[in-house]
């Protein structure tokens, strides 16, 4: 068995979770998650935040992560035998 790493985003509306992609390498997945964090931070700085009393917090100053990596085990599907009878 081999592990794969899912890039996951925590949604902002109702706490939904989105799978954005998968990677064979944990380091690549972490790098992409970190890049997405900074991209979201920059978008929040440039967006309309007139309703907010505080500026967004940079990703390197908080434990919260909107994007993270989830490790799962990749499996290979077992082959099935075709039935000899046709219906």
PDB file of N, CA and C in Angstrom:
ATOM      1  N   UNK A   1       0.841  -1.181   0.000  1.00  0.00           N
ATOM      2  CA  UNK A   1       0.000   0.000   0.000  1.00  0.00           C
ATOM      3  C   UNK A   1       0.886   1.244   0.000  1.00  0.00           C
ATOM      4  N   UNK A   2       0.343   2.293  -0.529  1.00  0.00           N
ATOM      5  CA  UNK A   2       1.085   3.535  -0.661  1.00  0.00           C
ATOM      6  C   UNK A   2       0.212   4.675  -0.153  1.00  0.00           C
ATOM      7  N   UNK A   3       0.837   5.626   0.488  1.00  0.00           N
ATOM      8  CA  UNK A   3       0.089   6.775   0.988  1.00  0.00           C
ATOM      9  C   UNK A   3       0.026   7.864  -0.066  1.00  0.00           C
ATOM     10  N   UNK A   4      -1.097   8.581  -0.077  1.00  0.00           N
ATOM     11  CA  UNK A   4      -1.227   9.787  -0.880  1.00  0.00           C
ATOM     12  C   UNK A   4      -1.645  10.904   0.064  1.00  0.00           C
ATOM     13  N   UNK A   5      -1.483  12.118  -0.383  1.00  0.00           N
ATOM     14  CA  UNK A   5      -1.722  13.277   0.469  1.00  0.00           C
ATOM     15  C   UNK A   5      -2.727  14.197  -0.211  1.00  0.00           C
ATOM     16  N   UNK A   6      -3.853  14.405   0.461  1.00  0.00           N
ATOM     17  CA  UNK A   6      -4.913  15.249  -0.078  1.00  0.00           C
ATOM     18  C   UNK A   6      -4.706  16.692   0.363  1.00  0.00           C
ATOM     19  N   UNK A   7      -4.897  17.613  -0.559  1.00  0.00           N
ATOM     20  CA  UNK A   7      -4.901  19.036  -0.226  1.00  0.00           C
ATOM     21  C   UNK A   7      -6.349  19.412   0.065  1.00  0.00           C
ATOM     22  N   UNK A   8      -6.613  19.837   1.290  1.00  0.00           N
ATOM     23  CA  UNK A   8      -7.967  20.069   1.768  1.00  0.00           C
ATOM     24  C   UNK A   8      -8.140  21.552   2.098  1.00  0.00           C
ATOM     25  N   UNK A   9      -9.311  22.089   1.739  1.00  0.00           N
ATOM     26  CA  UNK A   9      -9.645  23.474   2.086  1.00  0.00           C
ATOM     27  C   UNK A   9     -10.852  23.485   3.007  1.00  0.00           C
ATOM     28  N   UNK A  10     -10.763  24.245   4.078  1.00  0.00           N
ATOM     29  CA  UNK A  10     -11.893  24.440   4.980  1.00  0.00           C
ATOM     30  C   UNK A  10     -12.709  25.600   4.438  1.00  0.00           C
ATOM     31  N   UNK A  11     -13.965  25.331   4.088  1.00  0.00           N
ATOM     32  CA  UNK A  11     -14.822  26.365   3.511  1.00  0.00           C
ATOM     33  C   UNK A  11     -15.143  27.464   4.509  1.00  0.00           C
ATOM     34  N   UNK A  12     -15.570  28.595   4.006  1.00  0.00           N
ATOM     35  CA  UNK A  12     -15.791  29.762   4.861  1.00  0.00           C
ATOM     36  C   UNK A  12     -17.252  29.987   5.212  1.00  0.00           C
ATOM     37  N   UNK A  13     -18.185  29.334   4.527  1.00  0.00           N
ATOM     38  CA  UNK A  13     -19.598  29.613   4.771  1.00  0.00           C
ATOM     39  C   UNK A  13     -20.178  28.769   5.906  1.00  0.00           C
ATOM     40  N   UNK A  14     -20.199  27.467   5.710  1.00  0.00           N
ATOM     41  CA  UNK A  14     -20.834  26.573   6.676  1.00  0.00           C
ATOM     42  C   UNK A  14     -19.875  25.535   7.240  1.00  0.00           C
ATOM     43  N   UNK A  15     -18.585  25.760   7.122  1.00  0.00           N
ATOM     44  CA  UNK A  15     -17.609  24.806   7.636  1.00  0.00           C
ATOM     45  C   UNK A  15     -17.415  23.606   6.734  1.00  0.00           C
ATOM     46  N   UNK A  16     -17.805  23.736   5.485  1.00  0.00           N
ATOM     47  CA  UNK A  16     -17.667  22.633   4.539  1.00  0.00           C
ATOM     48  C   UNK A  16     -16.191  22.388   4.233  1.00  0.00           C
ATOM     49  N   UNK A  17     -15.905  21.207   3.719  1.00  0.00           N
ATOM     50  CA  UNK A  17     -14.533  20.810   3.400  1.00  0.00           C
ATOM     51  C   UNK A  17     -14.463  20.465   1.922  1.00  0.00           C
ATOM     52  N   UNK A  18     -13.434  20.954   1.249  1.00  0.00           N
ATOM     53  CA  UNK A  18     -13.231  20.688  -0.172  1.00  0.00           C
ATOM     54  C   UNK A  18     -11.899  19.991  -0.374  1.00  0.00           C
ATOM     55  N   UNK A  19     -11.888  18.956  -1.191  1.00  0.00           N
ATOM     56  CA  UNK A  19     -10.650  18.299  -1.594  1.00  0.00           C
ATOM     57  C   UNK A  19     -10.205  18.978  -2.886  1.00  0.00           C
ATOM     58  N   UNK A  20      -9.053  19.637  -2.848  1.00  0.00           N
ATOM     59  CA  UNK A  20      -8.577  20.397  -4.002  1.00  0.00           C
ATOM     60  C   UNK A  20      -7.683  19.585  -4.921  1.00  0.00           C
ATOM     61  N   UNK A  21      -7.084  18.532  -4.405  1.00  0.00           N
ATOM     62  CA  UNK A  21      -6.182  17.718  -5.211  1.00  0.00           C
ATOM     63  C   UNK A  21      -5.443  16.729  -4.338  1.00  0.00           C
ATOM     64  N   UNK A  22      -4.608  15.929  -4.975  1.00  0.00           N
ATOM     65  CA  UNK A  22      -3.802  14.975  -4.213  1.00  0.00           C
ATOM     66  C   UNK A  22      -2.387  14.929  -4.755  1.00  0.00           C
ATOM     67  N   UNK A  23      -1.476  14.518  -3.879  1.00  0.00           N
ATOM     68  CA  UNK A  23      -0.050  14.483  -4.184  1.00  0.00           C
ATOM     69  C   UNK A  23       0.534  13.145  -3.748  1.00  0.00           C
ATOM     70  N   UNK A  24       1.580  12.712  -4.436  1.00  0.00           N
ATOM     71  CA  UNK A  24       2.318  11.518  -4.031  1.00  0.00           C
ATOM     72  C   UNK A  24       3.346  11.843  -2.955  1.00  0.00           C
ATOM     73  N   UNK A  25       3.715  13.099  -2.851  1.00  0.00           N
ATOM     74  CA  UNK A  25       4.792  13.539  -1.969  1.00  0.00           C
ATOM     75  C   UNK A  25       4.233  14.474  -0.897  1.00  0.00           C
ATOM     76  N   UNK A  26       4.508  14.164   0.358  1.00  0.00           N
ATOM     77  CA  UNK A  26       3.990  14.965   1.466  1.00  0.00           C
ATOM     78  C   UNK A  26       4.553  16.387   1.449  1.00  0.00           C
ATOM     79  N   UNK A  27       5.814  16.513   1.124  1.00  0.00           N
ATOM     80  CA  UNK A  27       6.453  17.834   1.110  1.00  0.00           C
ATOM     81  C   UNK A  27       5.825  18.740   0.043  1.00  0.00           C
ATOM     82  N   UNK A  28       5.542  18.185  -1.123  1.00  0.00           N
ATOM     83  CA  UNK A  28       4.888  18.969  -2.186  1.00  0.00           C
ATOM     84  C   UNK A  28       3.501  19.420  -1.754  1.00  0.00           C
ATOM     85  N   UNK A  29       2.776  18.535  -1.091  1.00  0.00           N
ATOM     86  CA  UNK A  29       1.437  18.875  -0.615  1.00  0.00           C
ATOM     87  C   UNK A  29       1.500  19.987   0.430  1.00  0.00           C
ATOM     88  N   UNK A  30       2.450  19.893   1.346  1.00  0.00           N
ATOM     89  CA  UNK A  30       2.601  20.934   2.371  1.00  0.00           C
ATOM     90  C   UNK A  30       2.995  22.274   1.754  1.00  0.00           C
ATOM     91  N   UNK A  31       3.885  22.236   0.776  1.00  0.00           N
ATOM     92  CA  UNK A  31       4.290  23.470   0.102  1.00  0.00           C
ATOM     93  C   UNK A  31       3.105  24.130  -0.591  1.00  0.00           C
ATOM     94  N   UNK A  32       2.273  23.325  -1.234  1.00  0.00           N
ATOM     95  CA  UNK A  32       1.097  23.867  -1.916  1.00  0.00           C
ATOM     96  C   UNK A  32       0.099  24.433  -0.908  1.00  0.00           C
ATOM     97  N   UNK A  33      -0.099  23.752   0.214  1.00  0.00           N
ATOM     98  CA  UNK A  33      -1.008  24.251   1.247  1.00  0.00           C
ATOM     99  C   UNK A  33      -0.517  25.593   1.790  1.00  0.00           C
ATOM    100  N   UNK A  34       0.783  25.699   2.014  1.00  0.00           N
ATOM    101  CA  UNK A  34       1.353  26.955   2.511  1.00  0.00           C
ATOM    102  C   UNK A  34       1.195  28.074   1.474  1.00  0.00           C
ATOM    103  N   UNK A  35       1.425  27.753   0.216  1.00  0.00           N
ATOM    104  CA  UNK A  35       1.257  28.750  -0.848  1.00  0.00           C
ATOM    105  C   UNK A  35      -0.195  29.211  -0.934  1.00  0.00           C
ATOM    106  N   UNK A  36      -1.132  28.282  -0.791  1.00  0.00           N
ATOM    107  CA  UNK A  36      -2.555  28.635  -0.825  1.00  0.00           C
ATOM    108  C   UNK A  36      -2.934  29.509   0.371  1.00  0.00           C
ATOM    109  N   UNK A  37      -2.337  29.241   1.548  1.00  0.00           N
ATOM    110  CA  UNK A  37      -2.587  30.082   2.728  1.00  0.00           C
ATOM    111  C   UNK A  37      -2.202  31.531   2.448  1.00  0.00           C
ATOM    112  N   UNK A  38      -1.008  31.715   1.891  1.00  0.00           N
ATOM    113  CA  UNK A  38      -0.540  33.073   1.608  1.00  0.00           C
ATOM    114  C   UNK A  38      -1.358  33.725   0.497  1.00  0.00           C
ATOM    115  N   UNK A  39      -1.778  32.941  -0.475  1.00  0.00           N
ATOM    116  CA  UNK A  39      -2.611  33.473  -1.551  1.00  0.00           C
ATOM    117  C   UNK A  39      -3.950  33.958  -0.986  1.00  0.00           C
ATOM    118  N   UNK A  40      -4.548  33.178  -0.095  1.00  0.00           N
ATOM    119  CA  UNK A  40      -5.818  33.568   0.525  1.00  0.00           C
ATOM    120  C   UNK A  40      -5.631  34.802   1.413  1.00  0.00           C
ATOM    121  N   UNK A  41      -4.507  34.876   2.103  1.00  0.00           N
ATOM    122  CA  UNK A  41      -4.207  36.040   2.950  1.00  0.00           C
ATOM    123  C   UNK A  41      -4.097  37.311   2.108  1.00  0.00           C
ATOM    124  N   UNK A  42      -3.359  37.224   1.008  1.00  0.00           N
ATOM    125  CA  UNK A  42      -3.208  38.396   0.133  1.00  0.00           C
ATOM    126  C   UNK A  42      -4.549  38.806  -0.480  1.00  0.00           C
ATOM    127  N   UNK A  43      -5.370  37.831  -0.834  1.00  0.00           N
ATOM    128  CA  UNK A  43      -6.697  38.139  -1.377  1.00  0.00           C
ATOM    129  C   UNK A  43      -7.561  38.822  -0.319  1.00  0.00           C
ATOM    130  N   UNK A  44      -7.437  38.395   0.939  1.00  0.00           N
ATOM    131  CA  UNK A  44      -8.209  39.014   2.018  1.00  0.00           C
ATOM    132  C   UNK A  44      -7.750  40.449   2.266  1.00  0.00           C
ATOM    133  N   UNK A  45      -6.461  40.702   2.121  1.00  0.00           N
ATOM    134  CA  UNK A  45      -5.956  42.070   2.289  1.00  0.00           C
ATOM    135  C   UNK A  45      -6.475  42.999   1.203  1.00  0.00           C
ATOM    136  N   UNK A  46      -6.591  42.484  -0.012  1.00  0.00           N
ATOM    137  CA  UNK A  46      -7.032  43.296  -1.146  1.00  0.00           C
ATOM    138  C   UNK A  46      -8.545  43.372  -1.269  1.00  0.00           C
ATOM    139  N   UNK A  47      -9.255  42.503  -0.568  1.00  0.00           N
ATOM    140  CA  UNK A  47     -10.709  42.465  -0.679  1.00  0.00           C
ATOM    141  C   UNK A  47     -11.377  43.530   0.174  1.00  0.00           C
ATOM    142  N   UNK A  48     -12.691  43.638   0.014  1.00  0.00           N
ATOM    143  CA  UNK A  48     -13.475  44.590   0.786  1.00  0.00           C
ATOM    144  C   UNK A  48     -13.709  44.016   2.176  1.00  0.00           C
ATOM    145  N   UNK A  49     -13.098  44.608   3.176  1.00  0.00           N
ATOM    146  CA  UNK A  49     -13.248  44.142   4.554  1.00  0.00           C
ATOM    147  C   UNK A  49     -13.835  45.247   5.425  1.00  0.00           C
ATOM    148  N   UNK A  50     -14.750  46.033   4.866  1.00  0.00           N
ATOM    149  CA  UNK A  50     -15.329  47.143   5.620  1.00  0.00           C
ATOM    150  C   UNK A  50     -16.163  46.642   6.796  1.00  0.00           C
ATOM    151  N   UNK A  51     -16.621  45.403   6.746  1.00  0.00           N
ATOM    152  CA  UNK A  51     -17.421  44.831   7.820  1.00  0.00           C
ATOM    153  C   UNK A  51     -16.549  44.330   8.969  1.00  0.00           C
ATOM    154  N   UNK A  52     -15.256  44.161   8.732  1.00  0.00           N
ATOM    155  CA  UNK A  52     -14.363  43.592   9.735  1.00  0.00           C
ATOM    156  C   UNK A  52     -13.692  44.692  10.546  1.00  0.00           C
ATOM    157  N   UNK A  53     -13.554  44.451  11.828  1.00  0.00           N
ATOM    158  CA  UNK A  53     -12.883  45.398  12.716  1.00  0.00           C
ATOM    159  C   UNK A  53     -11.377  45.149  12.769  1.00  0.00           C
ATOM    160  N   UNK A  54     -10.936  43.986  12.287  1.00  0.00           N
ATOM    161  CA  UNK A  54      -9.524  43.620  12.364  1.00  0.00           C
ATOM    162  C   UNK A  54      -8.991  43.280  10.986  1.00  0.00           C
ATOM    163  N   UNK A  55      -7.711  43.501  10.805  1.00  0.00           N
ATOM    164  CA  UNK A  55      -7.050  43.076   9.574  1.00  0.00           C
ATOM    165  C   UNK A  55      -6.818  41.571   9.627  1.00  0.00           C
ATOM    166  N   UNK A  56      -6.721  40.930   8.477  1.00  0.00           N
ATOM    167  CA  UNK A  56      -6.412  39.496   8.469  1.00  0.00           C
ATOM    168  C   UNK A  56      -5.051  39.237   9.119  1.00  0.00           C
ATOM    169  N   UNK A  57      -4.933  38.093   9.759  1.00  0.00           N
ATOM    170  CA  UNK A  57      -3.679  37.717  10.413  1.00  0.00           C
ATOM    171  C   UNK A  57      -2.843  36.908   9.430  1.00  0.00           C
ATOM    172  N   UNK A  58      -1.566  37.235   9.285  1.00  0.00           N
ATOM    173  CA  UNK A  58      -0.702  36.469   8.375  1.00  0.00           C
ATOM    174  C   UNK A  58      -0.608  35.002   8.808  1.00  0.00           C
ATOM    175  N   UNK A  59      -0.491  34.084   7.865  1.00  0.00           N
ATOM    176  CA  UNK A  59      -0.440  32.657   8.198  1.00  0.00           C
ATOM    177  C   UNK A  59       0.699  32.268   9.131  1.00  0.00           C
ATOM    178  N   UNK A  60       1.797  33.001   9.112  1.00  0.00           N
ATOM    179  CA  UNK A  60       2.910  32.636   9.988  1.00  0.00           C
ATOM    180  C   UNK A  60       2.709  33.119  11.429  1.00  0.00           C
ATOM    181  N   UNK A  61       1.585  33.786  11.711  1.00  0.00           N
ATOM    182  CA  UNK A  61       1.312  34.279  13.061  1.00  0.00           C
ATOM    183  C   UNK A  61       0.094  33.622  13.701  1.00  0.00           C
ATOM    184  N   UNK A  62      -0.432  32.574  13.100  1.00  0.00           N
ATOM    185  CA  UNK A  62      -1.600  31.891  13.649  1.00  0.00           C
ATOM    186  C   UNK A  62      -1.492  30.386  13.426  1.00  0.00           C
ATOM    187  N   UNK A  63      -2.145  29.628  14.312  1.00  0.00           N
ATOM    188  CA  UNK A  63      -2.167  28.168  14.164  1.00  0.00           C
ATOM    189  C   UNK A  63      -3.260  27.725  13.189  1.00  0.00           C
ATOM    190  N   UNK A  64      -4.295  28.560  13.020  1.00  0.00           N
ATOM    191  CA  UNK A  64      -5.408  28.191  12.141  1.00  0.00           C
ATOM    192  C   UNK A  64      -4.922  28.022  10.708  1.00  0.00           C
ATOM    193  N   UNK A  65      -5.389  26.988  10.066  1.00  0.00           N
ATOM    194  CA  UNK A  65      -5.068  26.744   8.665  1.00  0.00           C
ATOM    195  C   UNK A  65      -6.355  26.511   7.891  1.00  0.00           C
ATOM    196  N   UNK A  66      -6.536  27.306   6.855  1.00  0.00           N
ATOM    197  CA  UNK A  66      -7.661  27.116   5.942  1.00  0.00           C
ATOM    198  C   UNK A  66      -7.370  25.958   4.992  1.00  0.00           C
ATOM    199  N   UNK A  67      -6.096  25.755   4.679  1.00  0.00           N
ATOM    200  CA  UNK A  67      -5.661  24.676   3.794  1.00  0.00           C
ATOM    201  C   UNK A  67      -4.757  23.746   4.590  1.00  0.00           C
ATOM    202  N   UNK A  68      -4.998  22.447   4.485  1.00  0.00           N
ATOM    203  CA  UNK A  68      -4.138  21.498   5.175  1.00  0.00           C
ATOM    204  C   UNK A  68      -3.995  20.232   4.357  1.00  0.00           C
ATOM    205  N   UNK A  69      -3.116  19.349   4.827  1.00  0.00           N
ATOM    206  CA  UNK A  69      -2.817  18.099   4.130  1.00  0.00           C
ATOM    207  C   UNK A  69      -3.344  16.941   4.958  1.00  0.00           C
ATOM    208  N   UNK A  70      -4.084  16.049   4.312  1.00  0.00           N
ATOM    209  CA  UNK A  70      -4.606  14.848   4.965  1.00  0.00           C
ATOM    210  C   UNK A  70      -3.978  13.629   4.307  1.00  0.00           C
ATOM    211  N   UNK A  71      -3.333  12.802   5.102  1.00  0.00           N
ATOM    212  CA  UNK A  71      -2.690  11.599   4.584  1.00  0.00           C
ATOM    213  C   UNK A  71      -3.698  10.455   4.578  1.00  0.00           C
ATOM    214  N   UNK A  72      -3.805   9.768   3.453  1.00  0.00           N
ATOM    215  CA  UNK A  72      -4.653   8.579   3.372  1.00  0.00           C
ATOM    216  C   UNK A  72      -3.881   7.483   2.642  1.00  0.00           C
ATOM    217  N   UNK A  73      -4.335   6.254   2.813  1.00  0.00           N
ATOM    218  CA  UNK A  73      -3.687   5.127   2.161  1.00  0.00           C
ATOM    219  C   UNK A  73      -4.364   4.858   0.828  1.00  0.00           C
ATOM    220  N   UNK A  74      -3.558   4.810  -0.194  1.00  0.00           N
ATOM    221  CA  UNK A  74      -4.054   4.510  -1.535  1.00  0.00           C
ATOM    222  C   UNK A  74      -4.199   2.998  -1.645  1.00  0.00           C
ATOM    223  N   UNK A  75      -5.267   2.550  -2.242  1.00  0.00           N
ATOM    224  CA  UNK A  75      -5.446   1.114  -2.396  1.00  0.00           C
ATOM    225  C   UNK A  75      -5.656   0.782  -3.862  1.00  0.00           C
ATOM    226  N   UNK A  76      -5.323  -0.427  -4.212  1.00  0.00           N
ATOM    227  CA  UNK A  76      -5.560  -0.888  -5.576  1.00  0.00           C
ATOM    228  C   UNK A  76      -6.809  -1.751  -5.561  1.00  0.00           C
ATOM    229  N   UNK A  77      -7.643  -1.544  -6.511  1.00  0.00           N
ATOM    230  CA  UNK A  77      -8.889  -2.305  -6.584  1.00  0.00           C
ATOM    231  C   UNK A  77      -8.590  -3.749  -6.969  1.00  0.00           C
ATOM    232  N   UNK A  78      -9.254  -4.664  -6.293  1.00  0.00           N
ATOM    233  CA  UNK A  78      -9.076  -6.076  -6.602  1.00  0.00           C
ATOM    234  C   UNK A  78      -9.780  -6.394  -7.915  1.00  0.00           C
ATOM    235  N   UNK A  79      -9.181  -7.276  -8.678  1.00  0.00           N
ATOM    236  CA  UNK A  79      -9.806  -7.661  -9.935  1.00  0.00           C
ATOM    237  C   UNK A  79     -10.976  -8.595  -9.660  1.00  0.00           C
ATOM    238  N   UNK A  80     -12.018  -8.420 -10.426  1.00  0.00           N
ATOM    239  CA  UNK A  80     -13.183  -9.293 -10.289  1.00  0.00           C
ATOM    240  C   UNK A  80     -13.264 -10.193 -11.508  1.00  0.00           C
ATOM    241  N   UNK A  81     -13.840 -11.343 -11.297  1.00  0.00           N
ATOM    242  CA  UNK A  81     -14.001 -12.289 -12.393  1.00  0.00           C
ATOM    243  C   UNK A  81     -15.335 -12.032 -13.083  1.00  0.00           C
ATOM    244  N   UNK A  82     -15.311 -12.038 -14.377  1.00  0.00           N
ATOM    245  CA  UNK A  82     -16.542 -11.844 -15.140  1.00  0.00           C
ATOM    246  C   UNK A  82     -17.380 -13.120 -15.069  1.00  0.00           C
ATOM    247  N   UNK A  83     -18.662 -12.954 -14.878  1.00  0.00           N
ATOM    248  CA  UNK A  83     -19.558 -14.110 -14.816  1.00  0.00           C
ATOM    249  C   UNK A  83     -19.668 -14.737 -16.199  1.00  0.00           C
ATOM    250  N   UNK A  84     -19.736 -16.053 -16.217  1.00  0.00           N
ATOM    251  CA  UNK A  84     -19.827 -16.745 -17.502  1.00  0.00           C
ATOM    252  C   UNK A  84     -21.235 -16.661 -18.078  1.00  0.00           C
ATOM    253  N   UNK A  85     -22.215 -16.478 -17.222  1.00  0.00           N
ATOM    254  CA  UNK A  85     -23.595 -16.396 -17.692  1.00  0.00           C
ATOM    255  C   UNK A  85     -23.935 -14.945 -18.032  1.00  0.00           C
ATOM    256  N   UNK A  86     -24.628 -14.767 -19.137  1.00  0.00           N
ATOM    257  CA  UNK A  86     -25.052 -13.438 -19.547  1.00  0.00           C
ATOM    258  C   UNK A  86     -26.557 -13.363 -19.390  1.00  0.00           C
ATOM    259  N   UNK A  87     -27.021 -12.359 -18.750  1.00  0.00           N
ATOM    260  CA  UNK A  87     -28.464 -12.217 -18.522  1.00  0.00           C
ATOM    261  C   UNK A  87     -29.063 -11.270 -19.512  1.00  0.00           C
TER     262      UNK A  87
END
